Amino acid sequence: MKQHKVMLGEQVLYQAAQLSHAERFAAARRAEGLACHVVPDTTQANRPARINPLTGKPRRMRAKGIIRVPGPCGEDADIKKPPQ
């Protein structure tokens, strides 16, 4: 999970998983007169593949722009989204 930090010098005032929450907290502290700043977490999420317990295979990832709908025999049919 990401950990964005609100810093006052070298001291951590607040940690948040969502950057918008850390920014709002920092804005509120600045309104009170504290010169704090937000340090966003830049680490990449490196999650392992989710394994389907029934088949033992990794779950399929959905490609952007493709909608999966059940086909006539239970398999997924790919339908491309129209461009917007």
PDB file of N, CA and C in Angstrom:
ATOM      1  N   MET A   1       0.847  -1.171   0.000  1.00  0.00           N
ATOM      2  CA  MET A   1       0.000   0.000   0.000  1.00  0.00           C
ATOM      3  C   MET A   1       0.897   1.239   0.000  1.00  0.00           C
ATOM      4  N   LYS A   2       0.500   2.219  -0.745  1.00  0.00           N
ATOM      5  CA  LYS A   2       1.278   3.452  -0.817  1.00  0.00           C
ATOM      6  C   LYS A   2       1.187   4.210   0.500  1.00  0.00           C
ATOM      7  N   GLN A   3       2.242   4.939   0.809  1.00  0.00           N
ATOM      8  CA  GLN A   3       2.275   5.757   2.020  1.00  0.00           C
ATOM      9  C   GLN A   3       2.808   7.144   1.658  1.00  0.00           C
ATOM     10  N   HIS A   4       1.903   8.066   1.343  1.00  0.00           N
ATOM     11  CA  HIS A   4       2.271   9.451   1.076  1.00  0.00           C
ATOM     12  C   HIS A   4       2.427  10.135   2.428  1.00  0.00           C
ATOM     13  N   LYS A   5       3.432  10.990   2.538  1.00  0.00           N
ATOM     14  CA  LYS A   5       3.734  11.603   3.830  1.00  0.00           C
ATOM     15  C   LYS A   5       3.598  13.119   3.766  1.00  0.00           C
ATOM     16  N   VAL A   6       3.125  13.704   4.856  1.00  0.00           N
ATOM     17  CA  VAL A   6       3.118  15.153   5.044  1.00  0.00           C
ATOM     18  C   VAL A   6       4.228  15.443   6.036  1.00  0.00           C
ATOM     19  N   MET A   7       5.213  16.234   5.604  1.00  0.00           N
ATOM     20  CA  MET A   7       6.416  16.474   6.393  1.00  0.00           C
ATOM     21  C   MET A   7       6.469  17.924   6.873  1.00  0.00           C
ATOM     22  N   LEU A   8       6.978  18.081   8.087  1.00  0.00           N
ATOM     23  CA  LEU A   8       7.296  19.394   8.647  1.00  0.00           C
ATOM     24  C   LEU A   8       8.773  19.320   9.004  1.00  0.00           C
ATOM     25  N   GLY A   9       9.604  19.797   8.077  1.00  0.00           N
ATOM     26  CA  GLY A   9      11.043  19.619   8.239  1.00  0.00           C
ATOM     27  C   GLY A   9      11.383  18.151   8.057  1.00  0.00           C
ATOM     28  N   GLU A  10      11.930  17.517   9.092  1.00  0.00           N
ATOM     29  CA  GLU A  10      12.250  16.084   9.046  1.00  0.00           C
ATOM     30  C   GLU A  10      11.196  15.241   9.760  1.00  0.00           C
ATOM     31  N   GLN A  11      10.204  15.894  10.349  1.00  0.00           N
ATOM     32  CA  GLN A  11       9.182  15.196  11.124  1.00  0.00           C
ATOM     33  C   GLN A  11       7.983  14.840  10.239  1.00  0.00           C
ATOM     34  N   VAL A  12       7.505  13.598  10.350  1.00  0.00           N
ATOM     35  CA  VAL A  12       6.317  13.154   9.624  1.00  0.00           C
ATOM     36  C   VAL A  12       5.086  13.527  10.446  1.00  0.00           C
ATOM     37  N   LEU A  13       4.235  14.364   9.866  1.00  0.00           N
ATOM     38  CA  LEU A  13       3.005  14.757  10.552  1.00  0.00           C
ATOM     39  C   LEU A  13       1.864  13.796  10.269  1.00  0.00           C
ATOM     40  N   TYR A  14       1.838  13.232   9.047  1.00  0.00           N
ATOM     41  CA  TYR A  14       0.674  12.457   8.619  1.00  0.00           C
ATOM     42  C   TYR A  14       1.097  11.522   7.504  1.00  0.00           C
ATOM     43  N   GLN A  15       0.532  10.317   7.480  1.00  0.00           N
ATOM     44  CA  GLN A  15       0.724   9.377   6.383  1.00  0.00           C
ATOM     45  C   GLN A  15      -0.645   8.997   5.850  1.00  0.00           C
ATOM     46  N   ALA A  16      -0.758   8.919   4.521  1.00  0.00           N
ATOM     47  CA  ALA A  16      -2.037   8.564   3.919  1.00  0.00           C
ATOM     48  C   ALA A  16      -1.800   7.658   2.721  1.00  0.00           C
ATOM     49  N   ALA A  17      -2.726   6.748   2.481  1.00  0.00           N
ATOM     50  CA  ALA A  17      -2.632   5.867   1.321  1.00  0.00           C
ATOM     51  C   ALA A  17      -3.050   6.602   0.051  1.00  0.00           C
ATOM     52  N   GLN A  18      -3.904   7.600   0.167  1.00  0.00           N
ATOM     53  CA  GLN A  18      -4.332   8.359  -1.001  1.00  0.00           C
ATOM     54  C   GLN A  18      -3.662   9.720  -0.985  1.00  0.00           C
ATOM     55  N   LEU A  19      -3.092  10.078  -2.132  1.00  0.00           N
ATOM     56  CA  LEU A  19      -2.377  11.342  -2.251  1.00  0.00           C
ATOM     57  C   LEU A  19      -3.292  12.531  -1.994  1.00  0.00           C
ATOM     58  N   SER A  20      -4.538  12.451  -2.430  1.00  0.00           N
ATOM     59  CA  SER A  20      -5.461  13.576  -2.229  1.00  0.00           C
ATOM     60  C   SER A  20      -5.708  13.835  -0.741  1.00  0.00           C
ATOM     61  N   HIS A  21      -5.729  12.780   0.067  1.00  0.00           N
ATOM     62  CA  HIS A  21      -5.929  12.975   1.508  1.00  0.00           C
ATOM     63  C   HIS A  21      -4.723  13.675   2.134  1.00  0.00           C
ATOM     64  N   ALA A  22      -3.520  13.288   1.720  1.00  0.00           N
ATOM     65  CA  ALA A  22      -2.315  13.929   2.238  1.00  0.00           C
ATOM     66  C   ALA A  22      -2.269  15.399   1.813  1.00  0.00           C
ATOM     67  N   GLU A  23      -2.670  15.679   0.566  1.00  0.00           N
ATOM     68  CA  GLU A  23      -2.672  17.071   0.090  1.00  0.00           C
ATOM     69  C   GLU A  23      -3.670  17.919   0.865  1.00  0.00           C
ATOM     70  N   ARG A  24      -4.839  17.366   1.162  1.00  0.00           N
ATOM     71  CA  ARG A  24      -5.841  18.129   1.931  1.00  0.00           C
ATOM     72  C   ARG A  24      -5.369  18.379   3.352  1.00  0.00           C
ATOM     73  N   PHE A  25      -4.720  17.382   3.961  1.00  0.00           N
ATOM     74  CA  PHE A  25      -4.192  17.555   5.306  1.00  0.00           C
ATOM     75  C   PHE A  25      -3.118  18.633   5.312  1.00  0.00           C
ATOM     76  N   ALA A  26      -2.231  18.615   4.319  1.00  0.00           N
ATOM     77  CA  ALA A  26      -1.166  19.617   4.236  1.00  0.00           C
ATOM     78  C   ALA A  26      -1.754  21.015   4.027  1.00  0.00           C
ATOM     79  N   ALA A  27      -2.795  21.112   3.201  1.00  0.00           N
ATOM     80  CA  ALA A  27      -3.423  22.415   2.971  1.00  0.00           C
ATOM     81  C   ALA A  27      -4.038  22.958   4.261  1.00  0.00           C
ATOM     82  N   ALA A  28      -4.632  22.075   5.056  1.00  0.00           N
ATOM     83  CA  ALA A  28      -5.223  22.508   6.326  1.00  0.00           C
ATOM     84  C   ALA A  28      -4.138  22.970   7.299  1.00  0.00           C
ATOM     85  N   ARG A  29      -2.999  22.274   7.338  1.00  0.00           N
ATOM     86  CA  ARG A  29      -1.903  22.692   8.227  1.00  0.00           C
ATOM     87  C   ARG A  29      -1.298  24.016   7.748  1.00  0.00           C
ATOM     88  N   ARG A  30      -1.213  24.207   6.425  1.00  0.00           N
ATOM     89  CA  ARG A  30      -0.695  25.486   5.904  1.00  0.00           C
ATOM     90  C   ARG A  30      -1.633  26.629   6.275  1.00  0.00           C
ATOM     91  N   ALA A  31      -2.935  26.374   6.285  1.00  0.00           N
ATOM     92  CA  ALA A  31      -3.907  27.400   6.690  1.00  0.00           C
ATOM     93  C   ALA A  31      -3.736  27.761   8.156  1.00  0.00           C
ATOM     94  N   GLU A  32      -3.208  26.818   8.946  1.00  0.00           N
ATOM     95  CA  GLU A  32      -2.940  27.087  10.362  1.00  0.00           C
ATOM     96  C   GLU A  32      -1.596  27.765  10.570  1.00  0.00           C
ATOM     97  N   GLY A  33      -0.806  27.900   9.497  1.00  0.00           N
ATOM     98  CA  GLY A  33       0.475  28.586   9.607  1.00  0.00           C
ATOM     99  C   GLY A  33       1.687  27.675   9.656  1.00  0.00           C
ATOM    100  N   LEU A  34       1.514  26.361   9.496  1.00  0.00           N
ATOM    101  CA  LEU A  34       2.657  25.443   9.477  1.00  0.00           C
ATOM    102  C   LEU A  34       3.159  25.285   8.043  1.00  0.00           C
ATOM    103  N   ALA A  35       4.461  25.387   7.850  1.00  0.00           N
ATOM    104  CA  ALA A  35       5.050  25.267   6.509  1.00  0.00           C
ATOM    105  C   ALA A  35       5.386  23.803   6.243  1.00  0.00           C
ATOM    106  N   CYS A  36       4.367  23.002   5.921  1.00  0.00           N
ATOM    107  CA  CYS A  36       4.594  21.585   5.659  1.00  0.00           C
ATOM    108  C   CYS A  36       4.453  21.311   4.164  1.00  0.00           C
ATOM    109  N   HIS A  37       4.948  20.148   3.746  1.00  0.00           N
ATOM    110  CA  HIS A  37       4.866  19.775   2.337  1.00  0.00           C
ATOM    111  C   HIS A  37       4.558  18.283   2.229  1.00  0.00           C
ATOM    112  N   VAL A  38       4.061  17.871   1.058  1.00  0.00           N
ATOM    113  CA  VAL A  38       3.680  16.484   0.807  1.00  0.00           C
ATOM    114  C   VAL A  38       4.814  15.793   0.063  1.00  0.00           C
ATOM    115  N   VAL A  39       5.151  14.590   0.518  1.00  0.00           N
ATOM    116  CA  VAL A  39       6.135  13.754  -0.168  1.00  0.00           C
ATOM    117  C   VAL A  39       5.383  12.543  -0.705  1.00  0.00           C
ATOM    118  N   PRO A  40       5.118  12.495  -2.032  1.00  0.00           N
ATOM    119  CA  PRO A  40       4.377  11.354  -2.571  1.00  0.00           C
ATOM    120  C   PRO A  40       5.230  10.085  -2.578  1.00  0.00           C
ATOM    121  N   ASP A  41       4.592   8.954  -2.396  1.00  0.00           N
ATOM    122  CA  ASP A  41       5.267   7.659  -2.445  1.00  0.00           C
ATOM    123  C   ASP A  41       5.419   7.277  -3.912  1.00  0.00           C
ATOM    124  N   THR A  42       6.636   7.006  -4.347  1.00  0.00           N
ATOM    125  CA  THR A  42       6.890   6.706  -5.757  1.00  0.00           C
ATOM    126  C   THR A  42       7.203   5.232  -5.998  1.00  0.00           C
ATOM    127  N   THR A  43       7.040   4.382  -4.996  1.00  0.00           N
ATOM    128  CA  THR A  43       7.331   2.964  -5.194  1.00  0.00           C
ATOM    129  C   THR A  43       6.279   2.338  -6.103  1.00  0.00           C
ATOM    130  N   GLN A  44       6.710   1.394  -6.911  1.00  0.00           N
ATOM    131  CA  GLN A  44       5.806   0.699  -7.815  1.00  0.00           C
ATOM    132  C   GLN A  44       5.145  -0.468  -7.091  1.00  0.00           C
ATOM    133  N   ALA A  45       3.860  -0.655  -7.333  1.00  0.00           N
ATOM    134  CA  ALA A  45       3.153  -1.787  -6.747  1.00  0.00           C
ATOM    135  C   ALA A  45       3.600  -3.052  -7.471  1.00  0.00           C
ATOM    136  N   ASN A  46       4.073  -4.019  -6.737  1.00  0.00           N
ATOM    137  CA  ASN A  46       4.570  -5.246  -7.330  1.00  0.00           C
ATOM    138  C   ASN A  46       3.787  -6.412  -6.737  1.00  0.00           C
ATOM    139  N   ARG A  47       2.531  -6.529  -7.159  1.00  0.00           N
ATOM    140  CA  ARG A  47       1.667  -7.565  -6.600  1.00  0.00           C
ATOM    141  C   ARG A  47       1.833  -8.859  -7.374  1.00  0.00           C
ATOM    142  N   PRO A  48       1.798  -9.975  -6.680  1.00  0.00           N
ATOM    143  CA  PRO A  48       1.873 -11.254  -7.388  1.00  0.00           C
ATOM    144  C   PRO A  48       0.566 -11.538  -8.126  1.00  0.00           C
ATOM    145  N   ALA A  49       0.631 -12.419  -9.110  1.00  0.00           N
ATOM    146  CA  ALA A  49      -0.561 -12.774  -9.868  1.00  0.00           C
ATOM    147  C   ALA A  49      -1.555 -13.482  -8.954  1.00  0.00           C
ATOM    148  N   ARG A  50      -2.832 -13.178  -9.138  1.00  0.00           N
ATOM    149  CA  ARG A  50      -3.875 -13.848  -8.359  1.00  0.00           C
ATOM    150  C   ARG A  50      -4.162 -15.200  -8.999  1.00  0.00           C
ATOM    151  N   ILE A  51      -4.147 -16.240  -8.210  1.00  0.00           N
ATOM    152  CA  ILE A  51      -4.356 -17.595  -8.701  1.00  0.00           C
ATOM    153  C   ILE A  51      -5.811 -18.003  -8.476  1.00  0.00           C
ATOM    154  N   ASN A  52      -6.430 -18.533  -9.524  1.00  0.00           N
ATOM    155  CA  ASN A  52      -7.795 -19.033  -9.416  1.00  0.00           C
ATOM    156  C   ASN A  52      -7.741 -20.352  -8.644  1.00  0.00           C
ATOM    157  N   PRO A  53      -8.426 -20.456  -7.502  1.00  0.00           N
ATOM    158  CA  PRO A  53      -8.327 -21.672  -6.692  1.00  0.00           C
ATOM    159  C   PRO A  53      -8.935 -22.905  -7.366  1.00  0.00           C
ATOM    160  N   LEU A  54      -9.841 -22.722  -8.314  1.00  0.00           N
ATOM    161  CA  LEU A  54     -10.466 -23.869  -8.971  1.00  0.00           C
ATOM    162  C   LEU A  54      -9.564 -24.478 -10.036  1.00  0.00           C
ATOM    163  N   THR A  55      -8.888 -23.624 -10.803  1.00  0.00           N
ATOM    164  CA  THR A  55      -8.071 -24.129 -11.912  1.00  0.00           C
ATOM    165  C   THR A  55      -6.586 -24.164 -11.579  1.00  0.00           C
ATOM    166  N   GLY A  56      -6.135 -23.374 -10.598  1.00  0.00           N
ATOM    167  CA  GLY A  56      -4.711 -23.305 -10.282  1.00  0.00           C
ATOM    168  C   GLY A  56      -3.937 -22.422 -11.234  1.00  0.00           C
ATOM    169  N   LYS A  57      -4.630 -21.747 -12.155  1.00  0.00           N
ATOM    170  CA  LYS A  57      -3.970 -20.874 -13.132  1.00  0.00           C
ATOM    171  C   LYS A  57      -4.155 -19.411 -12.715  1.00  0.00           C
ATOM    172  N   PRO A  58      -3.262 -18.537 -13.170  1.00  0.00           N
ATOM    173  CA  PRO A  58      -3.457 -17.109 -12.871  1.00  0.00           C
ATOM    174  C   PRO A  58      -4.718 -16.585 -13.541  1.00  0.00           C
ATOM    175  N   ARG A  59      -5.342 -15.633 -12.891  1.00  0.00           N
ATOM    176  CA  ARG A  59      -6.521 -14.999 -13.484  1.00  0.00           C
ATOM    177  C   ARG A  59      -6.099 -14.162 -14.681  1.00  0.00           C
ATOM    178  N   ARG A  60      -6.979 -14.078 -15.662  1.00  0.00           N
ATOM    179  CA  ARG A  60      -6.663 -13.289 -16.850  1.00  0.00           C
ATOM    180  C   ARG A  60      -6.819 -11.810 -16.541  1.00  0.00           C
ATOM    181  N   MET A  61      -5.901 -11.030 -17.065  1.00  0.00           N
ATOM    182  CA  MET A  61      -5.970  -9.585 -16.882  1.00  0.00           C
ATOM    183  C   MET A  61      -6.850  -9.004 -17.979  1.00  0.00           C
ATOM    184  N   ARG A  62      -7.619  -8.016 -17.640  1.00  0.00           N
ATOM    185  CA  ARG A  62      -8.455  -7.351 -18.638  1.00  0.00           C
ATOM    186  C   ARG A  62      -7.642  -6.301 -19.360  1.00  0.00           C
ATOM    187  N   ALA A  63      -7.709  -6.324 -20.657  1.00  0.00           N
ATOM    188  CA  ALA A  63      -7.027  -5.324 -21.463  1.00  0.00           C
ATOM    189  C   ALA A  63      -7.877  -4.057 -21.490  1.00  0.00           C
ATOM    190  N   LYS A  64      -7.218  -2.914 -21.553  1.00  0.00           N
ATOM    191  CA  LYS A  64      -7.962  -1.650 -21.619  1.00  0.00           C
ATOM    192  C   LYS A  64      -8.700  -1.573 -22.947  1.00  0.00           C
ATOM    193  N   GLY A  65      -9.913  -1.098 -22.898  1.00  0.00           N
ATOM    194  CA  GLY A  65     -10.688  -0.920 -24.118  1.00  0.00           C
ATOM    195  C   GLY A  65     -11.427  -2.169 -24.552  1.00  0.00           C
ATOM    196  N   ILE A  66     -11.406  -3.240 -23.759  1.00  0.00           N
ATOM    197  CA  ILE A  66     -12.098  -4.465 -24.138  1.00  0.00           C
ATOM    198  C   ILE A  66     -13.083  -4.828 -23.026  1.00  0.00           C
ATOM    199  N   ILE A  67     -14.289  -5.172 -23.431  1.00  0.00           N
ATOM    200  CA  ILE A  67     -15.314  -5.601 -22.488  1.00  0.00           C
ATOM    201  C   ILE A  67     -15.471  -7.108 -22.646  1.00  0.00           C
ATOM    202  N   ARG A  68     -15.480  -7.845 -21.550  1.00  0.00           N
ATOM    203  CA  ARG A  68     -15.668  -9.300 -21.623  1.00  0.00           C
ATOM    204  C   ARG A  68     -17.136  -9.615 -21.319  1.00  0.00           C
ATOM    205  N   VAL A  69     -17.757 -10.348 -22.245  1.00  0.00           N
ATOM    206  CA  VAL A  69     -19.130 -10.784 -22.038  1.00  0.00           C
ATOM    207  C   VAL A  69     -19.172 -12.295 -22.231  1.00  0.00           C
ATOM    208  N   PRO A  70     -20.058 -12.988 -21.530  1.00  0.00           N
ATOM    209  CA  PRO A  70     -20.130 -14.435 -21.699  1.00  0.00           C
ATOM    210  C   PRO A  70     -20.573 -14.792 -23.108  1.00  0.00           C
ATOM    211  N   GLY A  71     -19.881 -15.738 -23.709  1.00  0.00           N
ATOM    212  CA  GLY A  71     -20.239 -16.220 -25.043  1.00  0.00           C
ATOM    213  C   GLY A  71     -21.321 -17.283 -24.947  1.00  0.00           C
ATOM    214  N   PRO A  72     -21.741 -17.833 -26.088  1.00  0.00           N
ATOM    215  CA  PRO A  72     -22.834 -18.806 -26.088  1.00  0.00           C
ATOM    216  C   PRO A  72     -22.470 -20.113 -25.384  1.00  0.00           C
ATOM    217  N   CYS A  73     -21.185 -20.466 -25.339  1.00  0.00           N
ATOM    218  CA  CYS A  73     -20.788 -21.740 -24.725  1.00  0.00           C
ATOM    219  C   CYS A  73     -20.096 -21.528 -23.383  1.00  0.00           C
ATOM    220  N   GLY A  74     -20.208 -20.340 -22.800  1.00  0.00           N
ATOM    221  CA  GLY A  74     -19.604 -20.079 -21.507  1.00  0.00           C
ATOM    222  C   GLY A  74     -18.254 -19.397 -21.590  1.00  0.00           C
ATOM    223  N   GLU A  75     -17.609 -19.378 -22.780  1.00  0.00           N
ATOM    224  CA  GLU A  75     -16.321 -18.702 -22.895  1.00  0.00           C
ATOM    225  C   GLU A  75     -16.553 -17.200 -23.041  1.00  0.00           C
ATOM    226  N   ASP A  76     -15.523 -16.422 -22.818  1.00  0.00           N
ATOM    227  CA  ASP A  76     -15.647 -14.972 -22.929  1.00  0.00           C
ATOM    228  C   ASP A  76     -15.475 -14.549 -24.378  1.00  0.00           C
ATOM    229  N   ALA A  77     -16.322 -13.659 -24.820  1.00  0.00           N
ATOM    230  CA  ALA A  77     -16.182 -13.064 -26.136  1.00  0.00           C
ATOM    231  C   ALA A  77     -15.702 -11.631 -25.940  1.00  0.00           C
ATOM    232  N   ASP A  78     -14.694 -11.240 -26.698  1.00  0.00           N
ATOM    233  CA  ASP A  78     -14.156  -9.886 -26.584  1.00  0.00           C
ATOM    234  C   ASP A  78     -14.913  -8.933 -27.491  1.00  0.00           C
ATOM    235  N   ILE A  79     -15.354  -7.839 -26.923  1.00  0.00           N
ATOM    236  CA  ILE A  79     -16.031  -6.799 -27.681  1.00  0.00           C
ATOM    237  C   ILE A  79     -15.268  -5.512 -27.444  1.00  0.00           C
ATOM    238  N   LYS A  80     -14.833  -4.869 -28.490  1.00  0.00           N
ATOM    239  CA  LYS A  80     -14.084  -3.627 -28.350  1.00  0.00           C
ATOM    240  C   LYS A  80     -15.047  -2.484 -28.070  1.00  0.00           C
ATOM    241  N   LYS A  81     -14.643  -1.583 -27.169  1.00  0.00           N
ATOM    242  CA  LYS A  81     -15.431  -0.395 -26.877  1.00  0.00           C
ATOM    243  C   LYS A  81     -15.308   0.574 -28.041  1.00  0.00           C
ATOM    244  N   PRO A  82     -16.368   1.286 -28.352  1.00  0.00           N
ATOM    245  CA  PRO A  82     -16.250   2.304 -29.393  1.00  0.00           C
ATOM    246  C   PRO A  82     -15.414   3.481 -28.873  1.00  0.00           C
ATOM    247  N   PRO A  83     -14.614   4.116 -29.734  1.00  0.00           N
ATOM    248  CA  PRO A  83     -13.810   5.266 -29.285  1.00  0.00           C
ATOM    249  C   PRO A  83     -14.717   6.400 -28.864  1.00  0.00           C
ATOM    250  N   GLN A  84     -14.277   7.105 -27.815  1.00  0.00           N
ATOM    251  CA  GLN A  84     -15.093   8.210 -27.297  1.00  0.00           C
ATOM    252  C   GLN A  84     -14.469   9.529 -27.627  1.00  0.00           C
TER     253      GLN A  84
END
